[in-house]
């Protein structure tokens, strides 16, 4: 059985998907981009600001499932320019304890939704 996770503190889905799905104690988040959940505006000032908004959106989804970044076991990071990796990694890393950080991959892609620079999805477990 699956439970759909929804929160007004993260951007609402704009297609046939949900913010996250919880099944058998595992949470699968949809990819988050730097959309402000209240205004719907893209946060594109700097790559650091963009990444922070992505992580805050993921934090809201995790909290809606009664979890935190400590529950994350896998992250997938998609970026439009590998030259931004260091800056993205610095912001991303500030949300985790390095000793218990999740597994992850970071992949450069040609384009992301709304032409953003970073999209991140996560898998968490209770």
PDB file of N, CA and C in Angstrom:
ATOM      1  N   UNK A   1       0.842  -1.178   0.000  1.00  0.00           N
ATOM      2  CA  UNK A   1       0.000   0.000   0.000  1.00  0.00           C
ATOM      3  C   UNK A   1       0.888   1.242   0.000  1.00  0.00           C
ATOM      4  N   UNK A   2       0.438   2.267  -0.695  1.00  0.00           N
ATOM      5  CA  UNK A   2       1.207   3.502  -0.728  1.00  0.00           C
ATOM      6  C   UNK A   2       0.384   4.654  -0.172  1.00  0.00           C
ATOM      7  N   UNK A   3       1.106   5.575   0.447  1.00  0.00           N
ATOM      8  CA  UNK A   3       0.486   6.779   0.997  1.00  0.00           C
ATOM      9  C   UNK A   3       1.084   7.976   0.256  1.00  0.00           C
ATOM     10  N   UNK A   4       0.226   8.841  -0.240  1.00  0.00           N
ATOM     11  CA  UNK A   4       0.673  10.041  -0.931  1.00  0.00           C
ATOM     12  C   UNK A   4       1.001  11.109   0.093  1.00  0.00           C
ATOM     13  N   UNK A   5       2.171  11.718  -0.048  1.00  0.00           N
ATOM     14  CA  UNK A   5       2.612  12.782   0.855  1.00  0.00           C
ATOM     15  C   UNK A   5       2.447  14.114   0.129  1.00  0.00           C
ATOM     16  N   UNK A   6       1.733  15.034   0.773  1.00  0.00           N
ATOM     17  CA  UNK A   6       1.524  16.367   0.214  1.00  0.00           C
ATOM     18  C   UNK A   6       1.698  17.395   1.316  1.00  0.00           C
ATOM     19  N   UNK A   7       2.293  18.531   0.969  1.00  0.00           N
ATOM     20  CA  UNK A   7       2.433  19.630   1.904  1.00  0.00           C
ATOM     21  C   UNK A   7       2.351  20.954   1.144  1.00  0.00           C
ATOM     22  N   UNK A   8       1.724  21.955   1.744  1.00  0.00           N
ATOM     23  CA  UNK A   8       1.704  23.278   1.116  1.00  0.00           C
ATOM     24  C   UNK A   8       3.043  24.004   1.265  1.00  0.00           C
ATOM     25  N   UNK A   9       3.966  23.401   2.020  1.00  0.00           N
ATOM     26  CA  UNK A   9       5.272  24.024   2.280  1.00  0.00           C
ATOM     27  C   UNK A   9       6.320  23.668   1.224  1.00  0.00           C
ATOM     28  N   UNK A  10       5.889  22.949   0.199  1.00  0.00           N
ATOM     29  CA  UNK A  10       6.737  22.641  -0.966  1.00  0.00           C
ATOM     30  C   UNK A  10       5.877  22.911  -2.201  1.00  0.00           C
ATOM     31  N   UNK A  11       6.504  23.143  -3.340  1.00  0.00           N
ATOM     32  CA  UNK A  11       5.725  23.436  -4.549  1.00  0.00           C
ATOM     33  C   UNK A  11       4.733  22.320  -4.883  1.00  0.00           C
ATOM     34  N   UNK A  12       3.535  22.724  -5.282  1.00  0.00           N
ATOM     35  CA  UNK A  12       2.516  21.763  -5.684  1.00  0.00           C
ATOM     36  C   UNK A  12       2.915  21.120  -7.010  1.00  0.00           C
ATOM     37  N   UNK A  13       2.607  19.858  -7.193  1.00  0.00           N
ATOM     38  CA  UNK A  13       2.885  19.199  -8.469  1.00  0.00           C
ATOM     39  C   UNK A  13       2.145  19.899  -9.614  1.00  0.00           C
ATOM     40  N   UNK A  14       2.782  19.920 -10.770  1.00  0.00           N
ATOM     41  CA  UNK A  14       2.170  20.556 -11.931  1.00  0.00           C
ATOM     42  C   UNK A  14       1.894  19.536 -13.037  1.00  0.00           C
ATOM     43  N   UNK A  15       1.807  18.296 -12.644  1.00  0.00           N
ATOM     44  CA  UNK A  15       1.561  17.226 -13.601  1.00  0.00           C
ATOM     45  C   UNK A  15       1.058  15.993 -12.883  1.00  0.00           C
ATOM     46  N   UNK A  16       1.072  14.850 -13.545  1.00  0.00           N
ATOM     47  CA  UNK A  16       0.565  13.611 -12.968  1.00  0.00           C
ATOM     48  C   UNK A  16       1.585  12.928 -12.052  1.00  0.00           C
ATOM     49  N   UNK A  17       1.939  13.600 -10.974  1.00  0.00           N
ATOM     50  CA  UNK A  17       2.857  13.050  -9.970  1.00  0.00           C
ATOM     51  C   UNK A  17       2.543  13.692  -8.635  1.00  0.00           C
ATOM     52  N   UNK A  18       3.138  13.184  -7.569  1.00  0.00           N
ATOM     53  CA  UNK A  18       2.958  13.725  -6.225  1.00  0.00           C
ATOM     54  C   UNK A  18       4.302  14.150  -5.665  1.00  0.00           C
ATOM     55  N   UNK A  19       4.276  14.943  -4.608  1.00  0.00           N
ATOM     56  CA  UNK A  19       5.515  15.399  -3.987  1.00  0.00           C
ATOM     57  C   UNK A  19       6.333  14.220  -3.480  1.00  0.00           C
ATOM     58  N   UNK A  20       5.651  13.223  -2.949  1.00  0.00           N
ATOM     59  CA  UNK A  20       6.340  12.021  -2.462  1.00  0.00           C
ATOM     60  C   UNK A  20       5.334  10.899  -2.276  1.00  0.00           C
ATOM     61  N   UNK A  21       5.871   9.689  -2.251  1.00  0.00           N
ATOM     62  CA  UNK A  21       5.070   8.494  -1.991  1.00  0.00           C
ATOM     63  C   UNK A  21       5.778   7.705  -0.893  1.00  0.00           C
ATOM     64  N   UNK A  22       5.006   7.311   0.116  1.00  0.00           N
ATOM     65  CA  UNK A  22       5.511   6.515   1.233  1.00  0.00           C
ATOM     66  C   UNK A  22       4.958   5.100   1.095  1.00  0.00           C
ATOM     67  N   UNK A  23       5.848   4.124   1.110  1.00  0.00           N
ATOM     68  CA  UNK A  23       5.424   2.726   1.055  1.00  0.00           C
ATOM     69  C   UNK A  23       6.410   1.866   1.838  1.00  0.00           C
ATOM     70  N   UNK A  24       5.878   0.989   2.671  1.00  0.00           N
ATOM     71  CA  UNK A  24       6.707   0.083   3.473  1.00  0.00           C
ATOM     72  C   UNK A  24       7.829   0.808   4.213  1.00  0.00           C
ATOM     73  N   UNK A  25       7.531   1.982   4.754  1.00  0.00           N
ATOM     74  CA  UNK A  25       8.512   2.740   5.526  1.00  0.00           C
ATOM     75  C   UNK A  25       9.533   3.483   4.683  1.00  0.00           C
ATOM     76  N   UNK A  26       9.390   3.413   3.357  1.00  0.00           N
ATOM     77  CA  UNK A  26      10.326   4.105   2.469  1.00  0.00           C
ATOM     78  C   UNK A  26       9.618   5.265   1.778  1.00  0.00           C
ATOM     79  N   UNK A  27      10.281   6.412   1.749  1.00  0.00           N
ATOM     80  CA  UNK A  27       9.751   7.615   1.128  1.00  0.00           C
ATOM     81  C   UNK A  27      10.519   7.898  -0.152  1.00  0.00           C
ATOM     82  N   UNK A  28       9.799   8.058  -1.234  1.00  0.00           N
ATOM     83  CA  UNK A  28      10.382   8.393  -2.531  1.00  0.00           C
ATOM     84  C   UNK A  28       9.899   9.791  -2.901  1.00  0.00           C
ATOM     85  N   UNK A  29      10.801  10.767  -2.927  1.00  0.00           N
ATOM     86  CA  UNK A  29      10.389  12.122  -3.272  1.00  0.00           C
ATOM     87  C   UNK A  29      10.489  12.327  -4.772  1.00  0.00           C
ATOM     88  N   UNK A  30       9.630  13.181  -5.285  1.00  0.00           N
ATOM     89  CA  UNK A  30       9.789  13.654  -6.652  1.00  0.00           C
ATOM     90  C   UNK A  30      10.937  14.651  -6.665  1.00  0.00           C
ATOM     91  N   UNK A  31      11.513  14.871  -7.825  1.00  0.00           N
ATOM     92  CA  UNK A  31      12.565  15.865  -7.942  1.00  0.00           C
ATOM     93  C   UNK A  31      12.038  17.241  -7.597  1.00  0.00           C
ATOM     94  N   UNK A  32      12.823  17.976  -6.842  1.00  0.00           N
ATOM     95  CA  UNK A  32      12.464  19.338  -6.473  1.00  0.00           C
ATOM     96  C   UNK A  32      13.376  20.316  -7.193  1.00  0.00           C
ATOM     97  N   UNK A  33      12.773  21.398  -7.655  1.00  0.00           N
ATOM     98  CA  UNK A  33      13.530  22.508  -8.224  1.00  0.00           C
ATOM     99  C   UNK A  33      13.307  23.716  -7.349  1.00  0.00           C
ATOM    100  N   UNK A  34      13.902  24.836  -7.690  1.00  0.00           N
ATOM    101  CA  UNK A  34      13.886  26.022  -6.824  1.00  0.00           C
ATOM    102  C   UNK A  34      12.639  26.872  -6.998  1.00  0.00           C
ATOM    103  N   UNK A  35      11.469  26.243  -6.897  1.00  0.00           N
ATOM    104  CA  UNK A  35      10.218  26.986  -6.899  1.00  0.00           C
ATOM    105  C   UNK A  35       9.864  27.360  -5.472  1.00  0.00           C
ATOM    106  N   UNK A  36       9.529  28.620  -5.263  1.00  0.00           N
ATOM    107  CA  UNK A  36       9.079  29.052  -3.942  1.00  0.00           C
ATOM    108  C   UNK A  36       7.665  28.510  -3.745  1.00  0.00           C
ATOM    109  N   UNK A  37       7.401  27.788  -2.658  1.00  0.00           N
ATOM    110  CA  UNK A  37       6.108  27.122  -2.503  1.00  0.00           C
ATOM    111  C   UNK A  37       4.916  28.074  -2.380  1.00  0.00           C
ATOM    112  N   UNK A  38       5.126  29.266  -1.851  1.00  0.00           N
ATOM    113  CA  UNK A  38       4.011  30.197  -1.653  1.00  0.00           C
ATOM    114  C   UNK A  38       3.729  31.043  -2.885  1.00  0.00           C
ATOM    115  N   UNK A  39       4.777  31.473  -3.570  1.00  0.00           N
ATOM    116  CA  UNK A  39       4.593  32.383  -4.704  1.00  0.00           C
ATOM    117  C   UNK A  39       4.651  31.685  -6.053  1.00  0.00           C
ATOM    118  N   UNK A  40       5.281  30.522  -6.094  1.00  0.00           N
ATOM    119  CA  UNK A  40       5.473  29.830  -7.366  1.00  0.00           C
ATOM    120  C   UNK A  40       6.603  30.408  -8.188  1.00  0.00           C
ATOM    121  N   UNK A  41       7.298  31.413  -7.641  1.00  0.00           N
ATOM    122  CA  UNK A  41       8.418  32.042  -8.348  1.00  0.00           C
ATOM    123  C   UNK A  41       9.646  31.141  -8.310  1.00  0.00           C
ATOM    124  N   UNK A  42      10.417  31.166  -9.395  1.00  0.00           N
ATOM    125  CA  UNK A  42      11.701  30.477  -9.411  1.00  0.00           C
ATOM    126  C   UNK A  42      12.727  31.318  -8.658  1.00  0.00           C
ATOM    127  N   UNK A  43      13.507  30.682  -7.823  1.00  0.00           N
ATOM    128  CA  UNK A  43      14.586  31.344  -7.089  1.00  0.00           C
ATOM    129  C   UNK A  43      15.863  31.077  -7.875  1.00  0.00           C
ATOM    130  N   UNK A  44      16.308  32.077  -8.643  1.00  0.00           N
ATOM    131  CA  UNK A  44      17.431  31.876  -9.563  1.00  0.00           C
ATOM    132  C   UNK A  44      18.522  32.926  -9.387  1.00  0.00           C
ATOM    133  N   UNK A  45      18.607  33.570  -8.202  1.00  0.00           N
ATOM    134  CA  UNK A  45      19.602  34.613  -8.000  1.00  0.00           C
ATOM    135  C   UNK A  45      21.030  34.124  -8.167  1.00  0.00           C
ATOM    136  N   UNK A  46      21.383  33.081  -7.444  1.00  0.00           N
ATOM    137  CA  UNK A  46      22.708  32.463  -7.540  1.00  0.00           C
ATOM    138  C   UNK A  46      22.499  30.956  -7.422  1.00  0.00           C
ATOM    139  N   UNK A  47      23.504  30.191  -7.797  1.00  0.00           N
ATOM    140  CA  UNK A  47      23.374  28.735  -7.703  1.00  0.00           C
ATOM    141  C   UNK A  47      23.225  28.303  -6.247  1.00  0.00           C
ATOM    142  N   UNK A  48      23.838  29.048  -5.329  1.00  0.00           N
ATOM    143  CA  UNK A  48      23.696  28.734  -3.905  1.00  0.00           C
ATOM    144  C   UNK A  48      22.257  28.970  -3.439  1.00  0.00           C
ATOM    145  N   UNK A  49      21.652  30.096  -3.846  1.00  0.00           N
ATOM    146  CA  UNK A  49      20.261  30.384  -3.468  1.00  0.00           C
ATOM    147  C   UNK A  49      19.311  29.360  -4.081  1.00  0.00           C
ATOM    148  N   UNK A  50      19.585  29.001  -5.314  1.00  0.00           N
ATOM    149  CA  UNK A  50      18.753  28.021  -6.007  1.00  0.00           C
ATOM    150  C   UNK A  50      18.825  26.675  -5.292  1.00  0.00           C
ATOM    151  N   UNK A  51      20.022  26.234  -4.955  1.00  0.00           N
ATOM    152  CA  UNK A  51      20.200  24.948  -4.273  1.00  0.00           C
ATOM    153  C   UNK A  51      19.558  24.966  -2.897  1.00  0.00           C
ATOM    154  N   UNK A  52      19.690  26.079  -2.182  1.00  0.00           N
ATOM    155  CA  UNK A  52      19.083  26.196  -0.855  1.00  0.00           C
ATOM    156  C   UNK A  52      17.568  26.041  -0.946  1.00  0.00           C
ATOM    157  N   UNK A  53      16.941  26.660  -1.956  1.00  0.00           N
ATOM    158  CA  UNK A  53      15.487  26.534  -2.099  1.00  0.00           C
ATOM    159  C   UNK A  53      15.096  25.087  -2.403  1.00  0.00           C
ATOM    160  N   UNK A  54      15.875  24.414  -3.240  1.00  0.00           N
ATOM    161  CA  UNK A  54      15.623  23.002  -3.532  1.00  0.00           C
ATOM    162  C   UNK A  54      15.672  22.190  -2.236  1.00  0.00           C
ATOM    163  N   UNK A  55      16.690  22.415  -1.439  1.00  0.00           N
ATOM    164  CA  UNK A  55      16.843  21.658  -0.197  1.00  0.00           C
ATOM    165  C   UNK A  55      15.736  21.994   0.806  1.00  0.00           C
ATOM    166  N   UNK A  56      15.314  23.240   0.848  1.00  0.00           N
ATOM    167  CA  UNK A  56      14.214  23.623   1.743  1.00  0.00           C
ATOM    168  C   UNK A  56      12.909  22.962   1.292  1.00  0.00           C
ATOM    169  N   UNK A  57      12.703  22.855  -0.013  1.00  0.00           N
ATOM    170  CA  UNK A  57      11.519  22.158  -0.521  1.00  0.00           C
ATOM    171  C   UNK A  57      11.558  20.684  -0.123  1.00  0.00           C
ATOM    172  N   UNK A  58      12.718  20.071  -0.256  1.00  0.00           N
ATOM    173  CA  UNK A  58      12.858  18.666   0.148  1.00  0.00           C
ATOM    174  C   UNK A  58      12.666  18.501   1.649  1.00  0.00           C
ATOM    175  N   UNK A  59      13.184  19.428   2.418  1.00  0.00           N
ATOM    176  CA  UNK A  59      13.006  19.390   3.877  1.00  0.00           C
ATOM    177  C   UNK A  59      11.524  19.405   4.232  1.00  0.00           C
ATOM    178  N   UNK A  60      10.739  20.246   3.550  1.00  0.00           N
ATOM    179  CA  UNK A  60       9.302  20.323   3.809  1.00  0.00           C
ATOM    180  C   UNK A  60       8.603  19.012   3.474  1.00  0.00           C
ATOM    181  N   UNK A  61       8.991  18.380   2.389  1.00  0.00           N
ATOM    182  CA  UNK A  61       8.402  17.102   2.005  1.00  0.00           C
ATOM    183  C   UNK A  61       8.767  16.021   3.025  1.00  0.00           C
ATOM    184  N   UNK A  62      10.030  15.991   3.429  1.00  0.00           N
ATOM    185  CA  UNK A  62      10.458  15.024   4.451  1.00  0.00           C
ATOM    186  C   UNK A  62       9.674  15.220   5.746  1.00  0.00           C
ATOM    187  N   UNK A  63       9.525  16.477   6.167  1.00  0.00           N
ATOM    188  CA  UNK A  63       8.800  16.768   7.406  1.00  0.00           C
ATOM    189  C   UNK A  63       7.335  16.366   7.306  1.00  0.00           C
ATOM    190  N   UNK A  64       6.737  16.520   6.123  1.00  0.00           N
ATOM    191  CA  UNK A  64       5.337  16.114   5.933  1.00  0.00           C
ATOM    192  C   UNK A  64       5.182  14.608   6.111  1.00  0.00           C
ATOM    193  N   UNK A  65       6.255  13.871   5.888  1.00  0.00           N
ATOM    194  CA  UNK A  65       6.263  12.416   6.082  1.00  0.00           C
ATOM    195  C   UNK A  65       6.817  12.037   7.456  1.00  0.00           C
ATOM    196  N   UNK A  66       6.968  13.044   8.325  1.00  0.00           N
ATOM    197  CA  UNK A  66       7.516  12.848   9.672  1.00  0.00           C
ATOM    198  C   UNK A  66       8.921  12.272   9.634  1.00  0.00           C
ATOM    199  N   UNK A  67       9.728  12.815   8.719  1.00  0.00           N
ATOM    200  CA  UNK A  67      11.129  12.426   8.587  1.00  0.00           C
ATOM    201  C   UNK A  67      11.988  13.677   8.519  1.00  0.00           C
ATOM    202  N   UNK A  68      13.300  13.453   8.439  1.00  0.00           N
ATOM    203  CA  UNK A  68      14.262  14.546   8.307  1.00  0.00           C
ATOM    204  C   UNK A  68      15.384  14.083   7.377  1.00  0.00           C
ATOM    205  N   UNK A  69      16.361  14.937   7.160  1.00  0.00           N
ATOM    206  CA  UNK A  69      17.490  14.559   6.318  1.00  0.00           C
ATOM    207  C   UNK A  69      18.255  13.378   6.901  1.00  0.00           C
ATOM    208  N   UNK A  70      18.127  13.134   8.207  1.00  0.00           N
ATOM    209  CA  UNK A  70      18.782  11.975   8.824  1.00  0.00           C
ATOM    210  C   UNK A  70      18.215  10.661   8.288  1.00  0.00           C
ATOM    211  N   UNK A  71      16.986  10.693   7.769  1.00  0.00           N
ATOM    212  CA  UNK A  71      16.348   9.492   7.236  1.00  0.00           C
ATOM    213  C   UNK A  71      16.720   9.216   5.786  1.00  0.00           C
ATOM    214  N   UNK A  72      17.368  10.164   5.125  1.00  0.00           N
ATOM    215  CA  UNK A  72      17.671  10.025   3.701  1.00  0.00           C
ATOM    216  C   UNK A  72      18.782   8.999   3.498  1.00  0.00           C
ATOM    217  N   UNK A  73      18.518   8.032   2.606  1.00  0.00           N
ATOM    218  CA  UNK A  73      19.524   7.002   2.323  1.00  0.00           C
ATOM    219  C   UNK A  73      20.114   7.150   0.918  1.00  0.00           C
ATOM    220  N   UNK A  74      19.437   7.917   0.036  1.00  0.00           N
ATOM    221  CA  UNK A  74      19.912   8.076  -1.341  1.00  0.00           C
ATOM    222  C   UNK A  74      19.440   9.402  -1.900  1.00  0.00           C
ATOM    223  N   UNK A  75      20.325  10.117  -2.548  1.00  0.00           N
ATOM    224  CA  UNK A  75      19.991  11.364  -3.239  1.00  0.00           C
ATOM    225  C   UNK A  75      20.419  11.254  -4.692  1.00  0.00           C
ATOM    226  N   UNK A  76      19.641  11.866  -5.549  1.00  0.00           N
ATOM    227  CA  UNK A  76      19.993  11.988  -6.967  1.00  0.00           C
ATOM    228  C   UNK A  76      20.000  13.472  -7.304  1.00  0.00           C
ATOM    229  N   UNK A  77      21.137  13.952  -7.777  1.00  0.00           N
ATOM    230  CA  UNK A  77      21.295  15.364  -8.104  1.00  0.00           C
ATOM    231  C   UNK A  77      21.526  15.502  -9.598  1.00  0.00           C
ATOM    232  N   UNK A  78      20.709  16.308 -10.216  1.00  0.00           N
ATOM    233  CA  UNK A  78      20.830  16.585 -11.640  1.00  0.00           C
ATOM    234  C   UNK A  78      21.185  18.059 -11.799  1.00  0.00           C
ATOM    235  N   UNK A  79      22.271  18.340 -12.513  1.00  0.00           N
ATOM    236  CA  UNK A  79      22.706  19.724 -12.685  1.00  0.00           C
ATOM    237  C   UNK A  79      22.942  20.017 -14.158  1.00  0.00           C
ATOM    238  N   UNK A  80      22.763  21.286 -14.506  1.00  0.00           N
ATOM    239  CA  UNK A  80      22.903  21.680 -15.908  1.00  0.00           C
ATOM    240  C   UNK A  80      24.340  22.008 -16.286  1.00  0.00           C
ATOM    241  N   UNK A  81      25.199  22.197 -15.275  1.00  0.00           N
ATOM    242  CA  UNK A  81      26.592  22.570 -15.551  1.00  0.00           C
ATOM    243  C   UNK A  81      27.480  22.030 -14.435  1.00  0.00           C
ATOM    244  N   UNK A  82      28.319  21.058 -14.751  1.00  0.00           N
ATOM    245  CA  UNK A  82      29.190  20.438 -13.751  1.00  0.00           C
ATOM    246  C   UNK A  82      30.137  21.450 -13.113  1.00  0.00           C
ATOM    247  N   UNK A  83      30.347  22.587 -13.741  1.00  0.00           N
ATOM    248  CA  UNK A  83      31.180  23.633 -13.136  1.00  0.00           C
ATOM    249  C   UNK A  83      30.546  24.199 -11.868  1.00  0.00           C
ATOM    250  N   UNK A  84      29.254  23.986 -11.668  1.00  0.00           N
ATOM    251  CA  UNK A  84      28.569  24.436 -10.455  1.00  0.00           C
ATOM    252  C   UNK A  84      28.605  23.395  -9.339  1.00  0.00           C
ATOM    253  N   UNK A  85      29.210  22.250  -9.600  1.00  0.00           N
ATOM    254  CA  UNK A  85      29.195  21.152  -8.637  1.00  0.00           C
ATOM    255  C   UNK A  85      29.676  21.578  -7.252  1.00  0.00           C
ATOM    256  N   UNK A  86      30.797  22.276  -7.162  1.00  0.00           N
ATOM    257  CA  UNK A  86      31.355  22.655  -5.866  1.00  0.00           C
ATOM    258  C   UNK A  86      30.407  23.506  -5.041  1.00  0.00           C
ATOM    259  N   UNK A  87      29.785  24.481  -5.669  1.00  0.00           N
ATOM    260  CA  UNK A  87      28.854  25.373  -4.965  1.00  0.00           C
ATOM    261  C   UNK A  87      27.592  24.620  -4.550  1.00  0.00           C
ATOM    262  N   UNK A  88      27.078  23.787  -5.432  1.00  0.00           N
ATOM    263  CA  UNK A  88      25.896  22.981  -5.106  1.00  0.00           C
ATOM    264  C   UNK A  88      26.224  22.029  -3.968  1.00  0.00           C
ATOM    265  N   UNK A  89      27.368  21.369  -4.057  1.00  0.00           N
ATOM    266  CA  UNK A  89      27.792  20.411  -3.049  1.00  0.00           C
ATOM    267  C   UNK A  89      27.944  21.059  -1.676  1.00  0.00           C
ATOM    268  N   UNK A  90      28.438  22.291  -1.643  1.00  0.00           N
ATOM    269  CA  UNK A  90      28.611  22.992  -0.368  1.00  0.00           C
ATOM    270  C   UNK A  90      27.264  23.229   0.311  1.00  0.00           C
ATOM    271  N   UNK A  91      26.280  23.695  -0.439  1.00  0.00           N
ATOM    272  CA  UNK A  91      24.949  23.929   0.135  1.00  0.00           C
ATOM    273  C   UNK A  91      24.308  22.598   0.507  1.00  0.00           C
ATOM    274  N   UNK A  92      24.315  21.652  -0.410  1.00  0.00           N
ATOM    275  CA  UNK A  92      23.745  20.322  -0.159  1.00  0.00           C
ATOM    276  C   UNK A  92      24.358  19.717   1.109  1.00  0.00           C
ATOM    277  N   UNK A  93      25.671  19.753   1.205  1.00  0.00           N
ATOM    278  CA  UNK A  93      26.378  19.154   2.334  1.00  0.00           C
ATOM    279  C   UNK A  93      26.039  19.774   3.676  1.00  0.00           C
ATOM    280  N   UNK A  94      25.614  21.034   3.678  1.00  0.00           N
ATOM    281  CA  UNK A  94      25.286  21.704   4.942  1.00  0.00           C
ATOM    282  C   UNK A  94      24.022  21.127   5.584  1.00  0.00           C
ATOM    283  N   UNK A  95      23.276  20.327   4.853  1.00  0.00           N
ATOM    284  CA  UNK A  95      22.049  19.724   5.384  1.00  0.00           C
ATOM    285  C   UNK A  95      22.291  18.325   5.966  1.00  0.00           C
ATOM    286  N   UNK A  96      23.506  17.815   5.866  1.00  0.00           N
ATOM    287  CA  UNK A  96      23.812  16.461   6.323  1.00  0.00           C
ATOM    288  C   UNK A  96      25.020  16.448   7.238  1.00  0.00           C
ATOM    289  N   UNK A  97      25.068  15.416   8.101  1.00  0.00           N
ATOM    290  CA  UNK A  97      26.261  15.098   8.861  1.00  0.00           C
ATOM    291  C   UNK A  97      27.115  14.244   7.915  1.00  0.00           C
ATOM    292  N   UNK A  98      28.308  14.679   7.616  1.00  0.00           N
ATOM    293  CA  UNK A  98      29.139  13.990   6.629  1.00  0.00           C
ATOM    294  C   UNK A  98      29.345  12.516   6.963  1.00  0.00           C
ATOM    295  N   UNK A  99      29.444  12.196   8.253  1.00  0.00           N
ATOM    296  CA  UNK A  99      29.700  10.809   8.660  1.00  0.00           C
ATOM    297  C   UNK A  99      28.534   9.880   8.333  1.00  0.00           C
ATOM    298  N   UNK A 100      27.316  10.434   8.267  1.00  0.00           N
ATOM    299  CA  UNK A 100      26.135   9.598   8.008  1.00  0.00           C
ATOM    300  C   UNK A 100      25.377  10.056   6.753  1.00  0.00           C
ATOM    301  N   UNK A 101      26.047  10.788   5.887  1.00  0.00           N
ATOM    302  CA  UNK A 101      25.417  11.289   4.658  1.00  0.00           C
ATOM    303  C   UNK A 101      24.947  10.133   3.791  1.00  0.00           C
ATOM    304  N   UNK A 102      23.897  10.355   2.987  1.00  0.00           N
ATOM    305  CA  UNK A 102      23.373   9.278   2.144  1.00  0.00           C
ATOM    306  C   UNK A 102      24.258   8.975   0.944  1.00  0.00           C
ATOM    307  N   UNK A 103      23.980   7.870   0.312  1.00  0.00           N
ATOM    308  CA  UNK A 103      24.583   7.575  -0.994  1.00  0.00           C
ATOM    309  C   UNK A 103      24.000   8.580  -1.984  1.00  0.00           C
ATOM    310  N   UNK A 104      24.718   8.833  -3.090  1.00  0.00           N
ATOM    311  CA  UNK A 104      24.165   9.764  -4.072  1.00  0.00           C
ATOM    312  C   UNK A 104      24.900   9.660  -5.388  1.00  0.00           C
ATOM    313  N   UNK A 105      24.252  10.202  -6.414  1.00  0.00           N
ATOM    314  CA  UNK A 105      24.924  10.426  -7.683  1.00  0.00           C
ATOM    315  C   UNK A 105      24.630  11.862  -8.095  1.00  0.00           C
ATOM    316  N   UNK A 106      25.548  12.415  -8.856  1.00  0.00           N
ATOM    317  CA  UNK A 106      25.374  13.753  -9.424  1.00  0.00           C
ATOM    318  C   UNK A 106      25.623  13.631 -10.918  1.00  0.00           C
ATOM    319  N   UNK A 107      24.646  14.065 -11.693  1.00  0.00           N
ATOM    320  CA  UNK A 107      24.701  13.890 -13.135  1.00  0.00           C
ATOM    321  C   UNK A 107      24.463  15.222 -13.826  1.00  0.00           C
ATOM    322  N   UNK A 108      25.316  15.535 -14.798  1.00  0.00           N
ATOM    323  CA  UNK A 108      25.074  16.712 -15.618  1.00  0.00           C
ATOM    324  C   UNK A 108      24.108  16.320 -16.731  1.00  0.00           C
ATOM    325  N   UNK A 109      23.090  17.162 -16.924  1.00  0.00           N
ATOM    326  CA  UNK A 109      22.077  16.906 -17.947  1.00  0.00           C
ATOM    327  C   UNK A 109      21.971  18.106 -18.884  1.00  0.00           C
ATOM    328  N   UNK A 110      21.403  17.884 -20.053  1.00  0.00           N
ATOM    329  CA  UNK A 110      21.295  18.957 -21.047  1.00  0.00           C
ATOM    330  C   UNK A 110      20.307  20.032 -20.613  1.00  0.00           C
ATOM    331  N   UNK A 111      19.139  19.631 -20.102  1.00  0.00           N
ATOM    332  CA  UNK A 111      18.114  20.589 -19.683  1.00  0.00           C
ATOM    333  C   UNK A 111      17.340  20.021 -18.515  1.00  0.00           C
ATOM    334  N   UNK A 112      16.843  20.940 -17.689  1.00  0.00           N
ATOM    335  CA  UNK A 112      15.983  20.583 -16.572  1.00  0.00           C
ATOM    336  C   UNK A 112      14.674  21.359 -16.706  1.00  0.00           C
ATOM    337  N   UNK A 113      13.621  20.945 -15.986  1.00  0.00           N
ATOM    338  CA  UNK A 113      12.353  21.669 -16.066  1.00  0.00           C
ATOM    339  C   UNK A 113      12.531  23.165 -15.785  1.00  0.00           C
ATOM    340  N   UNK A 114      11.842  23.962 -16.551  1.00  0.00           N
ATOM    341  CA  UNK A 114      11.880  25.422 -16.418  1.00  0.00           C
ATOM    342  C   UNK A 114      13.291  25.991 -16.561  1.00  0.00           C
ATOM    343  N   UNK A 115      14.187  25.198 -17.159  1.00  0.00           N
ATOM    344  CA  UNK A 115      15.573  25.610 -17.421  1.00  0.00           C
ATOM    345  C   UNK A 115      16.322  25.982 -16.138  1.00  0.00           C
ATOM    346  N   UNK A 116      15.993  25.290 -15.029  1.00  0.00           N
ATOM    347  CA  UNK A 116      16.707  25.509 -13.773  1.00  0.00           C
ATOM    348  C   UNK A 116      18.096  24.888 -13.868  1.00  0.00           C
ATOM    349  N   UNK A 117      18.902  25.140 -12.868  1.00  0.00           N
ATOM    350  CA  UNK A 117      20.281  24.646 -12.848  1.00  0.00           C
ATOM    351  C   UNK A 117      20.475  23.393 -12.007  1.00  0.00           C
ATOM    352  N   UNK A 118      19.508  23.088 -11.125  1.00  0.00           N
ATOM    353  CA  UNK A 118      19.664  21.930 -10.240  1.00  0.00           C
ATOM    354  C   UNK A 118      18.287  21.359  -9.886  1.00  0.00           C
ATOM    355  N   UNK A 119      18.220  20.030  -9.853  1.00  0.00           N
ATOM    356  CA  UNK A 119      17.030  19.306  -9.397  1.00  0.00           C
ATOM    357  C   UNK A 119      17.531  18.149  -8.553  1.00  0.00           C
ATOM    358  N   UNK A 120      16.868  17.928  -7.408  1.00  0.00           N
ATOM    359  CA  UNK A 120      17.298  16.870  -6.495  1.00  0.00           C
ATOM    360  C   UNK A 120      16.077  16.045  -6.070  1.00  0.00           C
ATOM    361  N   UNK A 121      16.247  14.724  -6.055  1.00  0.00           N
ATOM    362  CA  UNK A 121      15.249  13.825  -5.490  1.00  0.00           C
ATOM    363  C   UNK A 121      15.931  12.968  -4.431  1.00  0.00           C
ATOM    364  N   UNK A 122      15.119  12.377  -3.549  1.00  0.00           N
ATOM    365  CA  UNK A 122      15.665  11.606  -2.441  1.00  0.00           C
ATOM    366  C   UNK A 122      14.823  10.368  -2.144  1.00  0.00           C
ATOM    367  N   UNK A 123      15.475   9.401  -1.526  1.00  0.00           N
ATOM    368  CA  UNK A 123      14.800   8.244  -0.954  1.00  0.00           C
ATOM    369  C   UNK A 123      15.163   8.256   0.532  1.00  0.00           C
ATOM    370  N   UNK A 124      14.139   8.122   1.376  1.00  0.00           N
ATOM    371  CA  UNK A 124      14.355   8.107   2.825  1.00  0.00           C
ATOM    372  C   UNK A 124      13.649   6.892   3.416  1.00  0.00           C
ATOM    373  N   UNK A 125      14.090   6.502   4.586  1.00  0.00           N
ATOM    374  CA  UNK A 125      13.497   5.341   5.255  1.00  0.00           C
ATOM    375  C   UNK A 125      13.333   5.626   6.744  1.00  0.00           C
ATOM    376  N   UNK A 126      12.218   5.138   7.301  1.00  0.00           N
ATOM    377  CA  UNK A 126      11.989   5.307   8.751  1.00  0.00           C
ATOM    378  C   UNK A 126      12.691   4.213   9.497  1.00  0.00           C
TER     379      UNK A 126
END
